[in-house]
PDB file of N, CA and C in Angstrom:
ATOM      1  N   MET A   1      77.300 -68.956 -45.526  1.00  0.00           N
ATOM      2  CA  MET A   1      77.039 -67.862 -44.614  1.00  0.00           C
ATOM      3  C   MET A   1      76.624 -68.444 -43.271  1.00  0.00           C
ATOM      4  N   LYS A   2      77.085 -67.858 -42.190  1.00  0.00           N
ATOM      5  CA  LYS A   2      76.766 -68.355 -40.865  1.00  0.00           C
ATOM      6  C   LYS A   2      75.257 -68.418 -40.700  1.00  0.00           C
ATOM      7  N   GLY A   3      74.760 -69.545 -40.220  1.00  0.00           N
ATOM      8  CA  GLY A   3      73.334 -69.739 -40.020  1.00  0.00           C
ATOM      9  C   GLY A   3      72.692 -70.585 -41.098  1.00  0.00           C
ATOM     10  N   ASP A   4      73.371 -70.775 -42.245  1.00  0.00           N
ATOM     11  CA  ASP A   4      72.850 -71.683 -43.265  1.00  0.00           C
ATOM     12  C   ASP A   4      72.786 -73.079 -42.658  1.00  0.00           C
ATOM     13  N   ARG A   5      71.715 -73.799 -42.997  1.00  0.00           N
ATOM     14  CA  ARG A   5      71.535 -75.122 -42.408  1.00  0.00           C
ATOM     15  C   ARG A   5      70.897 -76.040 -43.435  1.00  0.00           C
ATOM     16  N   VAL A   6      71.294 -77.319 -43.422  1.00  0.00           N
ATOM     17  CA  VAL A   6      70.699 -78.332 -44.275  1.00  0.00           C
ATOM     18  C   VAL A   6      70.261 -79.482 -43.379  1.00  0.00           C
ATOM     19  N   GLU A   7      68.990 -79.872 -43.527  1.00  0.00           N
ATOM     20  CA  GLU A   7      68.461 -81.017 -42.794  1.00  0.00           C
ATOM     21  C   GLU A   7      68.313 -82.173 -43.766  1.00  0.00           C
ATOM     22  N   VAL A   8      68.737 -83.358 -43.334  1.00  0.00           N
ATOM     23  CA  VAL A   8      68.656 -84.555 -44.153  1.00  0.00           C
ATOM     24  C   VAL A   8      67.858 -85.590 -43.378  1.00  0.00           C
ATOM     25  N   VAL A   9      66.802 -86.124 -44.001  1.00  0.00           N
ATOM     26  CA  VAL A   9      65.970 -87.156 -43.376  1.00  0.00           C
ATOM     27  C   VAL A   9      66.244 -88.462 -44.109  1.00  0.00           C
ATOM     28  N   ILE A  10      66.616 -89.491 -43.350  1.00  0.00           N
ATOM     29  CA  ILE A  10      67.021 -90.783 -43.889  1.00  0.00           C
ATOM     30  C   ILE A  10      66.063 -91.870 -43.398  1.00  0.00           C
ATOM     31  N   ASP A  11      65.729 -92.806 -44.290  1.00  0.00           N
ATOM     32  CA  ASP A  11      64.931 -93.981 -43.928  1.00  0.00           C
ATOM     33  C   ASP A  11      65.867 -95.021 -43.326  1.00  0.00           C
ATOM     34  N   THR A  12      65.621 -95.393 -42.068  1.00  0.00           N
ATOM     35  CA  THR A  12      66.489 -96.357 -41.393  1.00  0.00           C
ATOM     36  C   THR A  12      65.946 -97.776 -41.448  1.00  0.00           C
ATOM     37  N   GLY A  13      64.777 -97.969 -42.040  1.00  0.00           N
ATOM     38  CA  GLY A  13      64.162 -99.286 -42.085  1.00  0.00           C
ATOM     39  C   GLY A  13      63.151 -99.453 -40.967  1.00  0.00           C
ATOM     40  N   ALA A  14      63.426 -98.865 -39.814  1.00  0.00           N
ATOM     41  CA  ALA A  14      62.516 -98.921 -38.672  1.00  0.00           C
ATOM     42  C   ALA A  14      61.932 -97.541 -38.384  1.00  0.00           C
ATOM     43  N   GLY A  15      62.054 -96.632 -39.321  1.00  0.00           N
ATOM     44  CA  GLY A  15      61.579 -95.260 -39.137  1.00  0.00           C
ATOM     45  C   GLY A  15      62.481 -94.313 -39.902  1.00  0.00           C
ATOM     46  N   THR A  16      62.529 -93.088 -39.426  1.00  0.00           N
ATOM     47  CA  THR A  16      63.396 -92.094 -40.061  1.00  0.00           C
ATOM     48  C   THR A  16      64.313 -91.480 -39.023  1.00  0.00           C
ATOM     49  N   GLN A  17      65.413 -90.955 -39.506  1.00  0.00           N
ATOM     50  CA  GLN A  17      66.367 -90.259 -38.648  1.00  0.00           C
ATOM     51  C   GLN A  17      66.750 -88.962 -39.336  1.00  0.00           C
ATOM     52  N   THR A  18      66.823 -87.872 -38.565  1.00  0.00           N
ATOM     53  CA  THR A  18      67.120 -86.554 -39.113  1.00  0.00           C
ATOM     54  C   THR A  18      68.522 -86.121 -38.704  1.00  0.00           C
ATOM     55  N   PHE A  19      69.268 -85.606 -39.679  1.00  0.00           N
ATOM     56  CA  PHE A  19      70.600 -85.058 -39.448  1.00  0.00           C
ATOM     57  C   PHE A  19      70.577 -83.602 -39.879  1.00  0.00           C
ATOM     58  N   ALA A  20      71.314 -82.747 -39.182  1.00  0.00           N
ATOM     59  CA  ALA A  20      71.404 -81.332 -39.546  1.00  0.00           C
ATOM     60  C   ALA A  20      72.869 -80.928 -39.597  1.00  0.00           C
ATOM     61  N   ILE A  21      73.248 -80.259 -40.672  1.00  0.00           N
ATOM     62  CA  ILE A  21      74.596 -79.710 -40.803  1.00  0.00           C
ATOM     63  C   ILE A  21      74.430 -78.213 -40.982  1.00  0.00           C
ATOM     64  N   GLU A  22      75.127 -77.443 -40.141  1.00  0.00           N
ATOM     65  CA  GLU A  22      74.946 -75.996 -40.107  1.00  0.00           C
ATOM     66  C   GLU A  22      76.285 -75.281 -40.233  1.00  0.00           C
ATOM     67  N   ALA A  23      76.266 -74.124 -40.903  1.00  0.00           N
ATOM     68  CA  ALA A  23      77.449 -73.266 -40.968  1.00  0.00           C
ATOM     69  C   ALA A  23      77.543 -72.550 -39.623  1.00  0.00           C
ATOM     70  N   THR A  24      78.499 -72.937 -38.797  1.00  0.00           N
ATOM     71  CA  THR A  24      78.546 -72.487 -37.408  1.00  0.00           C
ATOM     72  C   THR A  24      79.353 -71.222 -37.176  1.00  0.00           C
ATOM     73  N   ARG A  25      80.188 -70.826 -38.132  1.00  0.00           N
ATOM     74  CA  ARG A  25      81.025 -69.639 -37.940  1.00  0.00           C
ATOM     75  C   ARG A  25      80.910 -68.723 -39.149  1.00  0.00           C
ATOM     76  N   ALA A  26      81.271 -67.474 -38.962  1.00  0.00           N
ATOM     77  CA  ALA A  26      81.220 -66.496 -40.050  1.00  0.00           C
ATOM     78  C   ALA A  26      82.147 -66.928 -41.179  1.00  0.00           C
ATOM     79  N   GLY A  27      81.686 -66.791 -42.413  1.00  0.00           N
ATOM     80  CA  GLY A  27      82.487 -67.133 -43.566  1.00  0.00           C
ATOM     81  C   GLY A  27      82.350 -68.565 -44.020  1.00  0.00           C
ATOM     82  N   ARG A  28      81.697 -69.397 -43.240  1.00  0.00           N
ATOM     83  CA  ARG A  28      81.504 -70.779 -43.649  1.00  0.00           C
ATOM     84  C   ARG A  28      80.173 -70.925 -44.365  1.00  0.00           C
ATOM     85  N   ARG A  29      80.079 -71.950 -45.193  1.00  0.00           N
ATOM     86  CA  ARG A  29      78.850 -72.209 -45.926  1.00  0.00           C
ATOM     87  C   ARG A  29      78.607 -73.710 -45.961  1.00  0.00           C
ATOM     88  N   VAL A  30      77.403 -74.096 -46.368  1.00  0.00           N
ATOM     89  CA  VAL A  30      77.043 -75.500 -46.474  1.00  0.00           C
ATOM     90  C   VAL A  30      76.852 -75.817 -47.952  1.00  0.00           C
ATOM     91  N   GLU A  31      77.521 -76.860 -48.420  1.00  0.00           N
ATOM     92  CA  GLU A  31      77.422 -77.279 -49.817  1.00  0.00           C
ATOM     93  C   GLU A  31      76.830 -78.675 -49.893  1.00  0.00           C
ATOM     94  N   VAL A  32      75.999 -78.907 -50.921  1.00  0.00           N
ATOM     95  CA  VAL A  32      75.389 -80.210 -51.164  1.00  0.00           C
ATOM     96  C   VAL A  32      75.882 -80.705 -52.515  1.00  0.00           C
ATOM     97  N   ASN A  33      76.418 -81.931 -52.551  1.00  0.00           N
ATOM     98  CA  ASN A  33      76.930 -82.522 -53.787  1.00  0.00           C
ATOM     99  C   ASN A  33      76.320 -83.902 -53.984  1.00  0.00           C
ATOM    100  N   ASN A  34      75.977 -84.208 -55.233  1.00  0.00           N
ATOM    101  CA  ASN A  34      75.531 -85.554 -55.594  1.00  0.00           C
ATOM    102  C   ASN A  34      76.710 -86.259 -56.235  1.00  0.00           C
ATOM    103  N   ALA A  35      77.299 -87.184 -55.513  1.00  0.00           N
ATOM    104  CA  ALA A  35      78.449 -87.920 -56.040  1.00  0.00           C
ATOM    105  C   ALA A  35      77.950 -89.106 -56.861  1.00  0.00           C
ATOM    106  N   ARG A  36      78.807 -89.618 -57.698  1.00  0.00           N
ATOM    107  CA  ARG A  36      78.399 -90.770 -58.503  1.00  0.00           C
ATOM    108  C   ARG A  36      78.166 -91.978 -57.598  1.00  0.00           C
ATOM    109  N   GLY A  37      77.334 -92.870 -58.066  1.00  0.00           N
ATOM    110  CA  GLY A  37      77.009 -94.045 -57.265  1.00  0.00           C
ATOM    111  C   GLY A  37      75.863 -93.799 -56.305  1.00  0.00           C
ATOM    112  N   GLY A  38      75.173 -92.672 -56.434  1.00  0.00           N
ATOM    113  CA  GLY A  38      73.996 -92.410 -55.602  1.00  0.00           C
ATOM    114  C   GLY A  38      74.303 -91.917 -54.203  1.00  0.00           C
ATOM    115  N   ILE A  39      75.451 -91.323 -53.994  1.00  0.00           N
ATOM    116  CA  ILE A  39      75.819 -90.792 -52.682  1.00  0.00           C
ATOM    117  C   ILE A  39      75.560 -89.291 -52.670  1.00  0.00           C
ATOM    118  N   VAL A  40      74.911 -88.811 -51.607  1.00  0.00           N
ATOM    119  CA  VAL A  40      74.678 -87.380 -51.412  1.00  0.00           C
ATOM    120  C   VAL A  40      75.599 -86.928 -50.284  1.00  0.00           C
ATOM    121  N   GLU A  41      76.396 -85.901 -50.565  1.00  0.00           N
ATOM    122  CA  GLU A  41      77.356 -85.406 -49.580  1.00  0.00           C
ATOM    123  C   GLU A  41      76.971 -83.980 -49.181  1.00  0.00           C
ATOM    124  N   VAL A  42      76.853 -83.745 -47.873  1.00  0.00           N
ATOM    125  CA  VAL A  42      76.558 -82.417 -47.337  1.00  0.00           C
ATOM    126  C   VAL A  42      77.756 -82.019 -46.486  1.00  0.00           C
ATOM    127  N   ALA A  43      78.353 -80.848 -46.776  1.00  0.00           N
ATOM    128  CA  ALA A  43      79.574 -80.451 -46.082  1.00  0.00           C
ATOM    129  C   ALA A  43      79.534 -78.990 -45.679  1.00  0.00           C
ATOM    130  N   GLU A  44      80.042 -78.708 -44.490  1.00  0.00           N
ATOM    131  CA  GLU A  44      80.297 -77.336 -44.053  1.00  0.00           C
ATOM    132  C   GLU A  44      81.717 -77.028 -44.484  1.00  0.00           C
ATOM    133  N   VAL A  45      81.904 -75.966 -45.264  1.00  0.00           N
ATOM    134  CA  VAL A  45      83.223 -75.641 -45.783  1.00  0.00           C
ATOM    135  C   VAL A  45      83.611 -74.217 -45.399  1.00  0.00           C
ATOM    136  N   THR A  46      84.927 -73.976 -45.333  1.00  0.00           N
ATOM    137  CA  THR A  46      85.452 -72.654 -45.024  1.00  0.00           C
ATOM    138  C   THR A  46      85.459 -71.794 -46.282  1.00  0.00           C
ATOM    139  N   ARG A  47      85.907 -70.562 -46.143  1.00  0.00           N
ATOM    140  CA  ARG A  47      85.992 -69.659 -47.292  1.00  0.00           C
ATOM    141  C   ARG A  47      86.895 -70.203 -48.385  1.00  0.00           C
ATOM    142  N   THR A  48      87.927 -70.919 -47.997  1.00  0.00           N
ATOM    143  CA  THR A  48      88.878 -71.466 -48.969  1.00  0.00           C
ATOM    144  C   THR A  48      88.418 -72.790 -49.561  1.00  0.00           C
ATOM    145  N   GLY A  49      87.315 -73.340 -49.089  1.00  0.00           N
ATOM    146  CA  GLY A  49      86.786 -74.591 -49.622  1.00  0.00           C
ATOM    147  C   GLY A  49      87.197 -75.830 -48.862  1.00  0.00           C
ATOM    148  N   LYS A  50      87.897 -75.659 -47.742  1.00  0.00           N
ATOM    149  CA  LYS A  50      88.324 -76.805 -46.942  1.00  0.00           C
ATOM    150  C   LYS A  50      87.135 -77.328 -46.132  1.00  0.00           C
ATOM    151  N   PRO A  51      86.777 -78.621 -46.266  1.00  0.00           N
ATOM    152  CA  PRO A  51      85.648 -79.158 -45.503  1.00  0.00           C
ATOM    153  C   PRO A  51      85.960 -79.241 -44.007  1.00  0.00           C
ATOM    154  N   VAL A  52      84.997 -78.819 -43.204  1.00  0.00           N
ATOM    155  CA  VAL A  52      85.139 -78.868 -41.754  1.00  0.00           C
ATOM    156  C   VAL A  52      84.347 -80.046 -41.203  1.00  0.00           C
ATOM    157  N   ARG A  53      83.148 -80.213 -41.704  1.00  0.00           N
ATOM    158  CA  ARG A  53      82.257 -81.278 -41.250  1.00  0.00           C
ATOM    159  C   ARG A  53      81.548 -81.821 -42.486  1.00  0.00           C
ATOM    160  N   THR A  54      81.489 -83.142 -42.621  1.00  0.00           N
ATOM    161  CA  THR A  54      80.903 -83.749 -43.806  1.00  0.00           C
ATOM    162  C   THR A  54      79.985 -84.891 -43.419  1.00  0.00           C
ATOM    163  N   GLY A  55      78.870 -84.998 -44.122  1.00  0.00           N
ATOM    164  CA  GLY A  55      77.962 -86.130 -43.957  1.00  0.00           C
ATOM    165  C   GLY A  55      77.717 -86.743 -45.321  1.00  0.00           C
ATOM    166  N   ARG A  56      77.823 -88.071 -45.422  1.00  0.00           N
ATOM    167  CA  ARG A  56      77.560 -88.773 -46.685  1.00  0.00           C
ATOM    168  C   ARG A  56      76.382 -89.703 -46.460  1.00  0.00           C
ATOM    169  N   PHE A  57      75.437 -89.669 -47.402  1.00  0.00           N
ATOM    170  CA  PHE A  57      74.202 -90.428 -47.254  1.00  0.00           C
ATOM    171  C   PHE A  57      73.909 -91.169 -48.548  1.00  0.00           C
ATOM    172  N   MET A  58      73.353 -92.378 -48.434  1.00  0.00           N
ATOM    173  CA  MET A  58      72.956 -93.146 -49.602  1.00  0.00           C
ATOM    174  C   MET A  58      71.708 -92.502 -50.200  1.00  0.00           C
ATOM    175  N   GLY A  59      71.746 -92.227 -51.492  1.00  0.00           N
ATOM    176  CA  GLY A  59      70.621 -91.593 -52.161  1.00  0.00           C
ATOM    177  C   GLY A  59      69.355 -92.435 -52.114  1.00  0.00           C
ATOM    178  N   SER A  60      69.486 -93.759 -52.099  1.00  0.00           N
ATOM    179  CA  SER A  60      68.321 -94.636 -52.069  1.00  0.00           C
ATOM    180  C   SER A  60      67.605 -94.588 -50.717  1.00  0.00           C
ATOM    181  N   ARG A  61      68.293 -94.164 -49.672  1.00  0.00           N
ATOM    182  CA  ARG A  61      67.706 -94.051 -48.328  1.00  0.00           C
ATOM    183  C   ARG A  61      67.231 -92.645 -48.000  1.00  0.00           C
ATOM    184  N   LEU A  62      67.519 -91.694 -48.880  1.00  0.00           N
ATOM    185  CA  LEU A  62      67.179 -90.293 -48.644  1.00  0.00           C
ATOM    186  C   LEU A  62      65.673 -90.082 -48.774  1.00  0.00           C
ATOM    187  N   VAL A  63      65.044 -89.540 -47.727  1.00  0.00           N
ATOM    188  CA  VAL A  63      63.619 -89.218 -47.744  1.00  0.00           C
ATOM    189  C   VAL A  63      63.435 -87.754 -48.101  1.00  0.00           C
ATOM    190  N   ALA A  64      64.214 -86.865 -47.468  1.00  0.00           N
ATOM    191  CA  ALA A  64      64.104 -85.430 -47.727  1.00  0.00           C
ATOM    192  C   ALA A  64      65.440 -84.757 -47.470  1.00  0.00           C
ATOM    193  N   LEU A  65      65.681 -83.696 -48.230  1.00  0.00           N
ATOM    194  CA  LEU A  65      66.847 -82.849 -48.028  1.00  0.00           C
ATOM    195  C   LEU A  65      66.333 -81.418 -48.102  1.00  0.00           C
ATOM    196  N   VAL A  66      66.393 -80.710 -46.965  1.00  0.00           N
ATOM    197  CA  VAL A  66      65.811 -79.369 -46.867  1.00  0.00           C
ATOM    198  C   VAL A  66      66.910 -78.371 -46.561  1.00  0.00           C
ATOM    199  N   GLU A  67      67.037 -77.338 -47.408  1.00  0.00           N
ATOM    200  CA  GLU A  67      68.018 -76.285 -47.202  1.00  0.00           C
ATOM    201  C   GLU A  67      67.337 -75.096 -46.550  1.00  0.00           C
ATOM    202  N   HIS A  68      67.926 -74.601 -45.455  1.00  0.00           N
ATOM    203  CA  HIS A  68      67.424 -73.428 -44.746  1.00  0.00           C
ATOM    204  C   HIS A  68      68.457 -72.313 -44.839  1.00  0.00           C
ATOM    205  N   PRO A  69      68.247 -71.308 -45.689  1.00  0.00           N
ATOM    206  CA  PRO A  69      69.206 -70.208 -45.755  1.00  0.00           C
ATOM    207  C   PRO A  69      69.143 -69.350 -44.497  1.00  0.00           C
ATOM    208  N   ALA A  70      70.236 -68.696 -44.177  1.00  0.00           N
ATOM    209  CA  ALA A  70      70.301 -67.821 -43.014  1.00  0.00           C
ATOM    210  C   ALA A  70      69.389 -66.617 -43.230  1.00  0.00           C
ATOM    211  N   ALA A  71      68.728 -66.185 -42.181  1.00  0.00           N
ATOM    212  CA  ALA A  71      67.851 -65.017 -42.260  1.00  0.00           C
ATOM    213  C   ALA A  71      68.662 -63.748 -42.020  1.00  0.00           C
ATOM    214  N   ASP A  72      68.270 -62.658 -42.672  1.00  0.00           N
ATOM    215  CA  ASP A  72      68.907 -61.363 -42.441  1.00  0.00           C
ATOM    216  C   ASP A  72      68.250 -60.713 -41.236  1.00  0.00           C
ATOM    217  N   THR A  73      68.762 -60.991 -40.036  1.00  0.00           N
ATOM    218  CA  THR A  73      68.164 -60.455 -38.814  1.00  0.00           C
ATOM    219  C   THR A  73      68.762 -59.111 -38.428  1.00  0.00           C
ATOM    220  N   ASP A  74      69.817 -58.664 -39.138  1.00  0.00           N
ATOM    221  CA  ASP A  74      70.475 -57.404 -38.802  1.00  0.00           C
ATOM    222  C   ASP A  74      69.717 -56.188 -39.338  1.00  0.00           C
ATOM    223  N   LEU A  75      68.714 -56.423 -40.152  1.00  0.00           N
ATOM    224  CA  LEU A  75      67.990 -55.313 -40.770  1.00  0.00           C
ATOM    225  C   LEU A  75      66.977 -54.707 -39.808  1.00  0.00           C
ATOM    226  N   GLU A  76      66.827 -53.399 -39.892  1.00  0.00           N
ATOM    227  CA  GLU A  76      65.796 -52.723 -39.118  1.00  0.00           C
ATOM    228  C   GLU A  76      64.461 -52.930 -39.822  1.00  0.00           C
ATOM    229  N   PRO A  77      63.353 -52.868 -39.091  1.00  0.00           N
ATOM    230  CA  PRO A  77      62.053 -53.033 -39.738  1.00  0.00           C
ATOM    231  C   PRO A  77      61.864 -51.998 -40.842  1.00  0.00           C
ATOM    232  N   GLY A  78      61.470 -52.448 -42.014  1.00  0.00           N
ATOM    233  CA  GLY A  78      61.243 -51.551 -43.141  1.00  0.00           C
ATOM    234  C   GLY A  78      62.497 -51.239 -43.942  1.00  0.00           C
ATOM    235  N   ALA A  79      63.676 -51.653 -43.471  1.00  0.00           N
ATOM    236  CA  ALA A  79      64.925 -51.375 -44.194  1.00  0.00           C
ATOM    237  C   ALA A  79      65.081 -52.359 -45.343  1.00  0.00           C
ATOM    238  N   ARG A  80      65.727 -51.923 -46.415  1.00  0.00           N
ATOM    239  CA  ARG A  80      65.968 -52.780 -47.563  1.00  0.00           C
ATOM    240  C   ARG A  80      67.347 -53.409 -47.443  1.00  0.00           C
ATOM    241  N   PRO A  81      67.491 -54.670 -47.867  1.00  0.00           N
ATOM    242  CA  PRO A  81      68.811 -55.310 -47.804  1.00  0.00           C
ATOM    243  C   PRO A  81      69.773 -54.688 -48.799  1.00  0.00           C
ATOM    244  N   ARG A  82      71.083 -54.682 -48.455  1.00  0.00           N
ATOM    245  CA  ARG A  82      72.113 -54.188 -49.363  1.00  0.00           C
ATOM    246  C   ARG A  82      72.299 -55.178 -50.482  1.00  0.00           C
ATOM    247  N   ARG A  83      72.573 -54.678 -51.648  1.00  0.00           N
ATOM    248  CA  ARG A  83      72.804 -55.541 -52.806  1.00  0.00           C
ATOM    249  C   ARG A  83      74.200 -55.290 -53.345  1.00  0.00           C
ATOM    250  N   GLY A  84      74.856 -56.350 -53.776  1.00  0.00           N
ATOM    251  CA  GLY A  84      76.158 -56.211 -54.409  1.00  0.00           C
ATOM    252  C   GLY A  84      75.985 -55.838 -55.867  1.00  0.00           C
ATOM    253  N   ARG A  85      77.084 -55.548 -56.529  1.00  0.00           N
ATOM    254  CA  ARG A  85      77.030 -55.217 -57.943  1.00  0.00           C
ATOM    255  C   ARG A  85      76.737 -56.463 -58.764  1.00  0.00           C
ATOM    256  N   ALA A  86      75.905 -56.312 -59.769  1.00  0.00           N
ATOM    257  CA  ALA A  86      75.622 -57.420 -60.667  1.00  0.00           C
ATOM    258  C   ALA A  86      76.822 -57.631 -61.584  1.00  0.00           C
ATOM    259  N   GLY A  87      77.083 -58.862 -61.896  1.00  0.00           N
ATOM    260  CA  GLY A  87      78.210 -59.196 -62.764  1.00  0.00           C
ATOM    261  C   GLY A  87      78.198 -60.664 -63.072  1.00  0.00           C
ATOM    262  N   PRO A  88      79.217 -61.174 -63.728  1.00  0.00           N
ATOM    263  CA  PRO A  88      79.260 -62.602 -64.052  1.00  0.00           C
ATOM    264  C   PRO A  88      79.192 -63.445 -62.781  1.00  0.00           C
ATOM    265  N   GLY A  89      78.254 -64.380 -62.748  1.00  0.00           N
ATOM    266  CA  GLY A  89      78.104 -65.242 -61.580  1.00  0.00           C
ATOM    267  C   GLY A  89      77.370 -64.564 -60.437  1.00  0.00           C
ATOM    268  N   ASN A  90      76.952 -63.321 -60.609  1.00  0.00           N
ATOM    269  CA  ASN A  90      76.266 -62.596 -59.543  1.00  0.00           C
ATOM    270  C   ASN A  90      75.079 -61.838 -60.156  1.00  0.00           C
ATOM    271  N   GLU A  91      74.303 -62.544 -60.993  1.00  0.00           N
ATOM    272  CA  GLU A  91      73.243 -61.911 -61.754  1.00  0.00           C
ATOM    273  C   GLU A  91      72.151 -61.298 -60.874  1.00  0.00           C
ATOM    274  N   GLN A  92      71.900 -61.865 -59.719  1.00  0.00           N
ATOM    275  CA  GLN A  92      70.820 -61.366 -58.882  1.00  0.00           C
ATOM    276  C   GLN A  92      71.279 -60.287 -57.923  1.00  0.00           C
ATOM    277  N   GLY A  93      72.533 -59.887 -57.979  1.00  0.00           N
ATOM    278  CA  GLY A  93      73.023 -58.801 -57.147  1.00  0.00           C
ATOM    279  C   GLY A  93      73.254 -59.194 -55.713  1.00  0.00           C
ATOM    280  N   ARG A  94      73.534 -60.461 -55.465  1.00  0.00           N
ATOM    281  CA  ARG A  94      73.803 -60.899 -54.090  1.00  0.00           C
ATOM    282  C   ARG A  94      75.178 -60.430 -53.656  1.00  0.00           C
ATOM    283  N   LEU A  95      75.353 -60.258 -52.347  1.00  0.00           N
ATOM    284  CA  LEU A  95      76.678 -59.922 -51.822  1.00  0.00           C
ATOM    285  C   LEU A  95      77.598 -61.103 -52.003  1.00  0.00           C
ATOM    286  N   LEU A  96      78.838 -60.838 -52.297  1.00  0.00           N
ATOM    287  CA  LEU A  96      79.798 -61.920 -52.513  1.00  0.00           C
ATOM    288  C   LEU A  96      80.420 -62.360 -51.236  1.00  0.00           C
TER     289      LEU A  96
END
């Protein structure tokens, strides 16, 4: 979802360095994968699953990985968020 963001903090040996990967357009999302060999991959992907931007980091150098979900700013004060129908893979009633 547009606005989703993942921050990755890496130990560089002389300090830390922070990287951020964000879903920049509507319909895109950020996925985090742990690949074999200790590699952590963070990717912005389209609706069809095609990666747009990818970052690969060594797991042994990873200090922190923080996921920031997009906020629902379109809601009026006191309004309740819309919920999708519950079903397989959508147990919490999130919109698809």
